[in-house]
Amino acid sequence: MAKRKNTVIVTGSAGFIGSALINKFADKFALVGLDRAATRQPPPAAECICIDLTSQESVAAGLERVRMAYGTRIASVIHLAAYFDLTGEPNPLYDEITVRGTEKLLRALQPFEVEQFVFVSSMLAHKAGRPGDVIDEDSPLESDLPYRASKIEAECLIHKQHGPI
């Protein structure tokens, strides 16, 4: 009898990085992509479930679908979904999607056994250094732009939730 593949959830699965991860992991894991309903080309190697990170009900319904199909044990959640625009201007979607959406996702994952939660932040969350400086997770943060601030705030939420997940 074939062993069931471990389940990996990728939020933002139809994006550039998300679809590349789905393609890379296709042979190794049972993949579930969570993305917006407006996604035109969902990655074919994953079961894609449409969710709206601004709605707790939508996130909960999407994860209920995961529970029904794959059970409660999740090897990894790779959280790529976030809001970004090129203007650098404040936009309520930074908070609604990147911060509160992460909070909703964490809340909906509580009934699951999540082995690993990977939040894909950005080097832009860090204070700029001099050429040649190494930037790592201990480097100073700077929240002078809305995108940076939303990534930093989402990281703080994840650190607070670390125990239950």
N, C-alpha and C. Protein backbone atom coordinates (compact mmCIF):
# COMPACT_ATOMS: atom_id res chain seq x y z
N MET A 1 0.84 -1.19 0.00
CA MET A 1 0.00 0.00 0.00
C MET A 1 0.88 1.25 0.00
N ALA A 2 0.61 2.18 -0.88
CA ALA A 2 1.42 3.39 -1.00
C ALA A 2 1.20 4.31 0.19
N LYS A 3 2.29 4.87 0.66
CA LYS A 3 2.22 5.81 1.77
C LYS A 3 1.65 7.13 1.27
N ARG A 4 0.75 7.69 2.06
CA ARG A 4 0.15 8.98 1.69
C ARG A 4 1.20 10.08 1.83
N LYS A 5 1.25 10.96 0.85
CA LYS A 5 2.20 12.07 0.88
C LYS A 5 1.83 13.06 1.97
N ASN A 6 2.84 13.68 2.57
CA ASN A 6 2.60 14.75 3.53
C ASN A 6 1.97 15.94 2.82
N THR A 7 1.11 16.64 3.55
CA THR A 7 0.39 17.77 2.99
C THR A 7 1.14 19.07 3.23
N VAL A 8 1.26 19.87 2.19
CA VAL A 8 1.85 21.20 2.27
C VAL A 8 0.84 22.19 1.70
N ILE A 9 0.59 23.25 2.45
CA ILE A 9 -0.30 24.33 2.01
C ILE A 9 0.57 25.51 1.59
N VAL A 10 0.26 26.08 0.44
CA VAL A 10 0.97 27.27 -0.04
C VAL A 10 -0.07 28.37 -0.27
N THR A 11 0.02 29.46 0.51
CA THR A 11 -0.85 30.61 0.25
C THR A 11 -0.18 31.47 -0.81
N GLY A 12 -0.97 32.13 -1.63
CA GLY A 12 -0.40 32.89 -2.74
C GLY A 12 0.17 31.94 -3.79
N SER A 13 -0.47 30.79 -3.94
CA SER A 13 0.07 29.71 -4.78
C SER A 13 0.11 30.02 -6.27
N ALA A 14 -0.67 30.97 -6.73
CA ALA A 14 -0.69 31.28 -8.16
C ALA A 14 0.30 32.38 -8.53
N GLY A 15 0.96 32.95 -7.53
CA GLY A 15 1.96 33.98 -7.80
C GLY A 15 3.24 33.38 -8.34
N PHE A 16 4.20 34.23 -8.64
CA PHE A 16 5.47 33.81 -9.23
C PHE A 16 6.20 32.81 -8.34
N ILE A 17 6.40 33.16 -7.07
CA ILE A 17 7.11 32.27 -6.15
C ILE A 17 6.25 31.06 -5.80
N GLY A 18 4.97 31.30 -5.53
CA GLY A 18 4.08 30.21 -5.16
C GLY A 18 3.99 29.14 -6.22
N SER A 19 3.82 29.54 -7.46
CA SER A 19 3.71 28.53 -8.53
C SER A 19 5.04 27.80 -8.73
N ALA A 20 6.16 28.49 -8.55
CA ALA A 20 7.47 27.82 -8.65
C ALA A 20 7.63 26.78 -7.54
N LEU A 21 7.21 27.12 -6.32
CA LEU A 21 7.28 26.15 -5.22
C LEU A 21 6.38 24.95 -5.48
N ILE A 22 5.18 25.21 -5.95
CA ILE A 22 4.25 24.13 -6.27
C ILE A 22 4.89 23.18 -7.29
N ASN A 23 5.46 23.73 -8.34
CA ASN A 23 6.09 22.90 -9.36
C ASN A 23 7.29 22.12 -8.81
N LYS A 24 8.06 22.75 -7.94
CA LYS A 24 9.24 22.10 -7.35
C LYS A 24 8.84 20.95 -6.43
N PHE A 25 7.77 21.12 -5.67
CA PHE A 25 7.35 20.13 -4.67
C PHE A 25 6.34 19.11 -5.19
N ALA A 26 5.96 19.21 -6.45
CA ALA A 26 4.85 18.42 -6.99
C ALA A 26 5.00 16.92 -6.77
N ASP A 27 6.18 16.38 -6.89
CA ASP A 27 6.38 14.94 -6.75
C ASP A 27 6.53 14.48 -5.31
N LYS A 28 6.77 15.42 -4.40
CA LYS A 28 7.11 15.03 -3.03
C LYS A 28 5.97 15.16 -2.03
N PHE A 29 5.00 16.04 -2.30
CA PHE A 29 3.97 16.35 -1.31
C PHE A 29 2.59 16.39 -1.94
N ALA A 30 1.58 16.22 -1.10
CA ALA A 30 0.21 16.53 -1.49
C ALA A 30 0.07 18.04 -1.30
N LEU A 31 -0.12 18.76 -2.37
CA LEU A 31 -0.08 20.22 -2.33
C LEU A 31 -1.46 20.83 -2.41
N VAL A 32 -1.66 21.82 -1.55
CA VAL A 32 -2.90 22.59 -1.55
C VAL A 32 -2.52 24.05 -1.72
N GLY A 33 -3.02 24.66 -2.77
CA GLY A 33 -2.78 26.08 -3.01
C GLY A 33 -3.98 26.88 -2.53
N LEU A 34 -3.73 27.90 -1.75
CA LEU A 34 -4.78 28.83 -1.32
C LEU A 34 -4.50 30.16 -1.99
N ASP A 35 -5.49 30.66 -2.73
CA ASP A 35 -5.30 31.92 -3.43
C ASP A 35 -6.65 32.59 -3.67
N ARG A 36 -6.59 33.80 -4.21
CA ARG A 36 -7.81 34.56 -4.48
C ARG A 36 -8.67 33.91 -5.54
N ALA A 37 -9.93 34.22 -5.51
CA ALA A 37 -10.87 33.70 -6.51
C ALA A 37 -10.54 34.21 -7.90
N ALA A 38 -9.88 35.35 -8.00
CA ALA A 38 -9.60 35.97 -9.30
C ALA A 38 -8.41 35.34 -10.02
N THR A 39 -7.81 34.32 -9.44
CA THR A 39 -6.65 33.69 -10.04
C THR A 39 -6.99 33.11 -11.41
N ARG A 40 -6.24 33.52 -12.42
CA ARG A 40 -6.52 33.06 -13.78
C ARG A 40 -5.90 31.70 -14.08
N GLN A 41 -4.70 31.46 -13.58
CA GLN A 41 -4.02 30.21 -13.90
C GLN A 41 -3.52 29.54 -12.63
N PRO A 42 -4.38 28.76 -11.98
CA PRO A 42 -3.92 28.06 -10.79
C PRO A 42 -2.88 27.01 -11.16
N PRO A 43 -1.90 26.78 -10.29
CA PRO A 43 -0.89 25.77 -10.61
C PRO A 43 -1.52 24.38 -10.70
N PRO A 44 -1.27 23.65 -11.79
CA PRO A 44 -1.95 22.37 -12.00
C PRO A 44 -1.51 21.27 -11.03
N ALA A 45 -0.35 21.39 -10.41
CA ALA A 45 0.16 20.32 -9.53
C ALA A 45 -0.46 20.35 -8.14
N ALA A 46 -1.32 21.30 -7.86
CA ALA A 46 -1.92 21.42 -6.53
C ALA A 46 -3.43 21.49 -6.63
N GLU A 47 -4.08 21.05 -5.56
CA GLU A 47 -5.50 21.35 -5.46
C GLU A 47 -5.60 22.80 -5.04
N CYS A 48 -6.28 23.61 -5.82
CA CYS A 48 -6.38 25.03 -5.51
C CYS A 48 -7.73 25.34 -4.88
N ILE A 49 -7.67 26.02 -3.76
CA ILE A 49 -8.87 26.41 -3.03
C ILE A 49 -8.88 27.93 -2.97
N CYS A 50 -9.97 28.52 -3.42
CA CYS A 50 -10.09 29.97 -3.41
C CYS A 50 -10.46 30.44 -2.01
N ILE A 51 -9.68 31.38 -1.50
CA ILE A 51 -9.99 32.00 -0.21
C ILE A 51 -9.79 33.50 -0.31
N ASP A 52 -10.43 34.20 0.58
CA ASP A 52 -10.28 35.65 0.72
C ASP A 52 -9.71 35.90 2.11
N LEU A 53 -8.45 36.30 2.18
CA LEU A 53 -7.80 36.50 3.47
C LEU A 53 -8.42 37.63 4.29
N THR A 54 -9.28 38.42 3.69
CA THR A 54 -9.94 39.48 4.47
C THR A 54 -11.19 38.96 5.18
N SER A 55 -11.55 37.71 4.94
CA SER A 55 -12.77 37.12 5.51
C SER A 55 -12.43 35.88 6.35
N GLN A 56 -12.69 35.94 7.65
CA GLN A 56 -12.45 34.78 8.51
C GLN A 56 -13.27 33.58 8.05
N GLU A 57 -14.50 33.84 7.60
CA GLU A 57 -15.36 32.75 7.14
C GLU A 57 -14.77 32.07 5.91
N SER A 58 -14.23 32.84 4.99
CA SER A 58 -13.64 32.29 3.78
C SER A 58 -12.40 31.45 4.11
N VAL A 59 -11.55 31.98 4.98
CA VAL A 59 -10.34 31.25 5.38
C VAL A 59 -10.72 29.95 6.09
N ALA A 60 -11.68 30.04 7.02
CA ALA A 60 -12.13 28.85 7.76
C ALA A 60 -12.73 27.81 6.81
N ALA A 61 -13.53 28.25 5.85
CA ALA A 61 -14.14 27.32 4.89
C ALA A 61 -13.07 26.65 4.03
N GLY A 62 -12.08 27.41 3.61
CA GLY A 62 -10.99 26.83 2.82
C GLY A 62 -10.23 25.77 3.60
N LEU A 63 -9.94 26.07 4.86
CA LEU A 63 -9.21 25.10 5.67
C LEU A 63 -10.09 23.92 6.10
N GLU A 64 -11.38 24.12 6.16
CA GLU A 64 -12.28 22.99 6.40
C GLU A 64 -12.22 22.03 5.21
N ARG A 65 -12.14 22.57 4.02
CA ARG A 65 -11.97 21.74 2.81
C ARG A 65 -10.66 20.95 2.90
N VAL A 66 -9.60 21.60 3.38
CA VAL A 66 -8.31 20.91 3.57
C VAL A 66 -8.48 19.77 4.58
N ARG A 67 -9.14 20.05 5.70
CA ARG A 67 -9.32 19.05 6.75
C ARG A 67 -10.09 17.83 6.21
N MET A 68 -11.14 18.11 5.46
CA MET A 68 -11.97 17.02 4.93
C MET A 68 -11.18 16.14 3.94
N ALA A 69 -10.35 16.75 3.14
CA ALA A 69 -9.63 16.01 2.09
C ALA A 69 -8.29 15.43 2.55
N TYR A 70 -7.62 16.11 3.50
CA TYR A 70 -6.25 15.73 3.84
C TYR A 70 -6.04 15.43 5.32
N GLY A 71 -7.02 15.69 6.15
CA GLY A 71 -6.86 15.47 7.58
C GLY A 71 -6.31 16.70 8.28
N THR A 72 -5.96 16.53 9.54
CA THR A 72 -5.52 17.68 10.35
C THR A 72 -4.01 17.80 10.47
N ARG A 73 -3.27 16.84 9.95
CA ARG A 73 -1.81 16.94 10.03
C ARG A 73 -1.28 17.62 8.77
N ILE A 74 -0.61 18.75 8.98
CA ILE A 74 -0.04 19.53 7.88
C ILE A 74 1.47 19.58 8.08
N ALA A 75 2.22 19.10 7.11
CA ALA A 75 3.68 19.11 7.21
C ALA A 75 4.21 20.54 7.21
N SER A 76 3.64 21.39 6.35
CA SER A 76 4.13 22.76 6.27
C SER A 76 3.06 23.68 5.68
N VAL A 77 3.02 24.88 6.21
CA VAL A 77 2.25 25.97 5.62
C VAL A 77 3.28 27.00 5.16
N ILE A 78 3.30 27.27 3.88
CA ILE A 78 4.21 28.28 3.33
C ILE A 78 3.34 29.47 2.97
N HIS A 79 3.46 30.52 3.78
CA HIS A 79 2.56 31.67 3.67
C HIS A 79 3.22 32.79 2.86
N LEU A 80 2.84 32.84 1.58
CA LEU A 80 3.36 33.84 0.66
C LEU A 80 2.39 35.00 0.43
N ALA A 81 1.10 34.75 0.64
CA ALA A 81 0.08 35.75 0.30
C ALA A 81 0.29 37.04 1.08
N ALA A 82 0.27 38.14 0.37
CA ALA A 82 0.44 39.47 0.97
C ALA A 82 0.00 40.51 -0.05
N TYR A 83 -0.22 41.72 0.44
CA TYR A 83 -0.56 42.81 -0.46
C TYR A 83 0.71 43.58 -0.80
N PHE A 84 0.82 43.99 -2.07
CA PHE A 84 1.94 44.82 -2.50
C PHE A 84 1.49 45.65 -3.68
N ASP A 85 1.90 46.90 -3.69
CA ASP A 85 1.75 47.70 -4.90
C ASP A 85 3.02 48.50 -5.10
N LEU A 86 3.17 49.04 -6.28
CA LEU A 86 4.41 49.73 -6.64
C LEU A 86 4.45 51.19 -6.24
N THR A 87 3.34 51.73 -5.70
CA THR A 87 3.30 53.15 -5.41
C THR A 87 4.05 53.52 -4.14
N GLY A 88 4.11 52.61 -3.17
CA GLY A 88 4.71 52.94 -1.88
C GLY A 88 3.79 53.76 -1.00
N GLU A 89 2.59 54.01 -1.50
CA GLU A 89 1.61 54.81 -0.75
C GLU A 89 0.85 53.94 0.25
N PRO A 90 0.39 54.55 1.34
CA PRO A 90 -0.43 53.79 2.29
C PRO A 90 -1.69 53.26 1.61
N ASN A 91 -2.08 52.07 2.00
CA ASN A 91 -3.29 51.45 1.46
C ASN A 91 -3.82 50.52 2.54
N PRO A 92 -5.11 50.58 2.83
CA PRO A 92 -5.65 49.72 3.89
C PRO A 92 -5.48 48.23 3.61
N LEU A 93 -5.23 47.85 2.36
CA LEU A 93 -5.05 46.44 2.04
C LEU A 93 -3.76 45.86 2.64
N TYR A 94 -2.78 46.70 2.92
CA TYR A 94 -1.58 46.19 3.60
C TYR A 94 -1.97 45.58 4.94
N ASP A 95 -2.82 46.28 5.68
CA ASP A 95 -3.27 45.76 6.97
C ASP A 95 -4.28 44.64 6.78
N GLU A 96 -5.26 44.84 5.91
CA GLU A 96 -6.34 43.86 5.74
C GLU A 96 -5.85 42.50 5.24
N ILE A 97 -4.91 42.50 4.31
CA ILE A 97 -4.45 41.24 3.72
C ILE A 97 -3.20 40.72 4.42
N THR A 98 -2.15 41.53 4.47
CA THR A 98 -0.88 41.04 4.99
C THR A 98 -0.93 40.79 6.49
N VAL A 99 -1.48 41.73 7.24
CA VAL A 99 -1.48 41.59 8.71
C VAL A 99 -2.69 40.81 9.19
N ARG A 100 -3.88 41.34 8.96
CA ARG A 100 -5.10 40.68 9.47
C ARG A 100 -5.36 39.36 8.75
N GLY A 101 -4.97 39.27 7.48
CA GLY A 101 -5.10 38.00 6.76
C GLY A 101 -4.23 36.92 7.38
N THR A 102 -3.02 37.29 7.78
CA THR A 102 -2.14 36.35 8.48
C THR A 102 -2.76 35.93 9.80
N GLU A 103 -3.32 36.89 10.51
CA GLU A 103 -3.98 36.60 11.78
C GLU A 103 -5.14 35.62 11.58
N LYS A 104 -5.93 35.84 10.54
CA LYS A 104 -7.06 34.95 10.24
C LYS A 104 -6.57 33.55 9.89
N LEU A 105 -5.51 33.48 9.12
CA LEU A 105 -4.94 32.19 8.76
C LEU A 105 -4.46 31.44 10.00
N LEU A 106 -3.73 32.13 10.87
CA LEU A 106 -3.24 31.51 12.10
C LEU A 106 -4.40 31.00 12.96
N ARG A 107 -5.44 31.79 13.06
CA ARG A 107 -6.62 31.40 13.85
C ARG A 107 -7.26 30.14 13.25
N ALA A 108 -7.41 30.11 11.94
CA ALA A 108 -8.06 28.97 11.29
C ALA A 108 -7.20 27.71 11.33
N LEU A 109 -5.89 27.86 11.53
CA LEU A 109 -5.00 26.71 11.60
C LEU A 109 -4.95 26.08 12.99
N GLN A 110 -5.56 26.70 13.98
CA GLN A 110 -5.48 26.19 15.35
C GLN A 110 -5.89 24.73 15.50
N PRO A 111 -6.94 24.25 14.84
CA PRO A 111 -7.32 22.84 15.01
C PRO A 111 -6.37 21.85 14.32
N PHE A 112 -5.43 22.34 13.55
CA PHE A 112 -4.52 21.48 12.80
C PHE A 112 -3.24 21.22 13.58
N GLU A 113 -2.58 20.13 13.22
CA GLU A 113 -1.24 19.84 13.70
C GLU A 113 -0.28 20.33 12.61
N VAL A 114 0.22 21.54 12.78
CA VAL A 114 1.11 22.13 11.77
C VAL A 114 2.55 21.94 12.22
N GLU A 115 3.28 21.14 11.46
CA GLU A 115 4.67 20.87 11.81
C GLU A 115 5.57 22.08 11.58
N GLN A 116 5.29 22.83 10.52
CA GLN A 116 6.16 23.96 10.16
C GLN A 116 5.31 25.06 9.55
N PHE A 117 5.56 26.30 9.97
CA PHE A 117 4.90 27.47 9.38
C PHE A 117 6.00 28.38 8.85
N VAL A 118 6.01 28.59 7.54
CA VAL A 118 7.03 29.43 6.92
C VAL A 118 6.36 30.71 6.43
N PHE A 119 6.78 31.83 7.00
CA PHE A 119 6.27 33.12 6.57
C PHE A 119 7.32 33.76 5.68
N VAL A 120 6.95 34.05 4.47
CA VAL A 120 7.89 34.67 3.54
C VAL A 120 7.75 36.17 3.68
N SER A 121 8.73 36.75 4.33
CA SER A 121 8.73 38.19 4.55
C SER A 121 9.48 38.85 3.39
N SER A 122 10.30 39.81 3.69
CA SER A 122 11.01 40.53 2.64
C SER A 122 12.26 41.18 3.22
N MET A 123 13.31 41.21 2.43
CA MET A 123 14.49 41.96 2.86
C MET A 123 14.16 43.43 3.02
N LEU A 124 13.10 43.88 2.35
CA LEU A 124 12.70 45.28 2.46
C LEU A 124 12.25 45.64 3.86
N ALA A 125 11.94 44.65 4.70
CA ALA A 125 11.55 44.92 6.08
C ALA A 125 12.74 45.38 6.91
N HIS A 126 13.94 45.14 6.41
CA HIS A 126 15.15 45.49 7.15
C HIS A 126 15.66 46.88 6.77
N LYS A 127 16.28 47.50 7.73
CA LYS A 127 16.91 48.80 7.50
C LYS A 127 18.04 48.62 6.48
N ALA A 128 18.12 49.55 5.56
CA ALA A 128 19.16 49.48 4.53
C ALA A 128 20.54 49.57 5.18
N GLY A 129 21.44 48.77 4.68
CA GLY A 129 22.81 48.79 5.17
C GLY A 129 23.74 49.37 4.12
N ARG A 130 25.01 49.24 4.39
CA ARG A 130 26.02 49.68 3.43
C ARG A 130 26.30 48.54 2.45
N PRO A 131 26.79 48.84 1.27
CA PRO A 131 27.14 47.77 0.32
C PRO A 131 28.08 46.76 0.99
N GLY A 132 27.74 45.50 0.84
CA GLY A 132 28.55 44.44 1.43
C GLY A 132 28.07 43.97 2.79
N ASP A 133 27.18 44.75 3.44
CA ASP A 133 26.63 44.33 4.74
C ASP A 133 25.78 43.08 4.55
N VAL A 134 25.86 42.19 5.51
CA VAL A 134 25.03 40.99 5.49
C VAL A 134 23.73 41.29 6.23
N ILE A 135 22.61 40.94 5.61
CA ILE A 135 21.30 41.12 6.24
C ILE A 135 20.77 39.74 6.59
N ASP A 136 20.42 39.55 7.88
CA ASP A 136 19.81 38.30 8.31
C ASP A 136 18.67 38.62 9.26
N GLU A 137 18.09 37.58 9.89
CA GLU A 137 16.92 37.79 10.74
C GLU A 137 17.21 38.64 11.97
N ASP A 138 18.48 38.83 12.31
CA ASP A 138 18.83 39.67 13.45
C ASP A 138 19.14 41.11 13.06
N SER A 139 19.11 41.42 11.78
CA SER A 139 19.40 42.78 11.32
C SER A 139 18.27 43.71 11.75
N PRO A 140 18.58 45.00 11.95
CA PRO A 140 17.55 45.95 12.37
C PRO A 140 16.43 46.09 11.34
N LEU A 141 15.22 46.26 11.84
CA LEU A 141 14.05 46.45 10.99
C LEU A 141 13.76 47.94 10.83
N GLU A 142 13.06 48.28 9.76
CA GLU A 142 12.66 49.67 9.54
C GLU A 142 11.28 49.67 8.91
N SER A 143 10.36 50.38 9.53
CA SER A 143 8.96 50.34 9.08
C SER A 143 8.50 51.66 8.48
N ASP A 144 9.37 52.30 7.70
CA ASP A 144 9.04 53.61 7.15
C ASP A 144 8.12 53.57 5.92
N LEU A 145 7.91 52.41 5.35
CA LEU A 145 7.02 52.25 4.20
C LEU A 145 5.90 51.28 4.56
N PRO A 146 4.71 51.44 3.97
CA PRO A 146 3.58 50.57 4.33
C PRO A 146 3.86 49.08 4.13
N TYR A 147 4.52 48.72 3.05
CA TYR A 147 4.83 47.31 2.80
C TYR A 147 5.73 46.76 3.90
N ARG A 148 6.79 47.50 4.20
CA ARG A 148 7.70 47.09 5.28
C ARG A 148 6.96 46.93 6.59
N ALA A 149 6.17 47.94 6.92
CA ALA A 149 5.44 47.93 8.20
C ALA A 149 4.50 46.73 8.28
N SER A 150 3.82 46.40 7.18
CA SER A 150 2.88 45.27 7.20
C SER A 150 3.61 43.95 7.39
N LYS A 151 4.76 43.79 6.78
CA LYS A 151 5.54 42.56 6.94
C LYS A 151 6.06 42.43 8.38
N ILE A 152 6.52 43.53 8.94
CA ILE A 152 7.01 43.51 10.32
C ILE A 152 5.88 43.18 11.28
N GLU A 153 4.73 43.79 11.09
CA GLU A 153 3.60 43.53 11.98
C GLU A 153 3.12 42.08 11.86
N ALA A 154 3.09 41.55 10.66
CA ALA A 154 2.70 40.15 10.47
C ALA A 154 3.70 39.22 11.15
N GLU A 155 4.99 39.52 11.05
CA GLU A 155 6.01 38.72 11.73
C GLU A 155 5.79 38.72 13.24
N CYS A 156 5.45 39.88 13.79
CA CYS A 156 5.19 39.99 15.23
C CYS A 156 4.00 39.11 15.63
N LEU A 157 2.94 39.13 14.84
CA LEU A 157 1.78 38.27 15.11
C LEU A 157 2.17 36.79 15.12
N ILE A 158 2.97 36.41 14.18
CA ILE A 158 3.40 35.01 14.08
C ILE A 158 4.22 34.62 15.30
N HIS A 159 5.12 35.48 15.72
CA HIS A 159 5.93 35.19 16.91
C HIS A 159 5.05 35.03 18.15
N LYS A 160 4.02 35.85 18.27
CA LYS A 160 3.10 35.75 19.41
C LYS A 160 2.32 34.44 19.38
N GLN A 161 1.99 33.95 18.19
CA GLN A 161 1.20 32.73 18.03
C GLN A 161 2.04 31.46 18.03
N HIS A 162 3.33 31.59 18.10
CA HIS A 162 4.22 30.44 17.94
C HIS A 162 3.85 29.25 18.81
N GLY A 163 3.44 29.48 20.03
CA GLY A 163 3.10 28.39 20.93
C GLY A 163 2.01 27.48 20.41
N PRO A 164 0.82 28.02 20.10
CA PRO A 164 -0.28 27.16 19.65
C PRO A 164 -0.04 26.50 18.30
N ILE A 165 0.81 27.07 17.49
CA ILE A 165 1.07 26.47 16.17
C ILE A 165 2.33 25.74 16.26
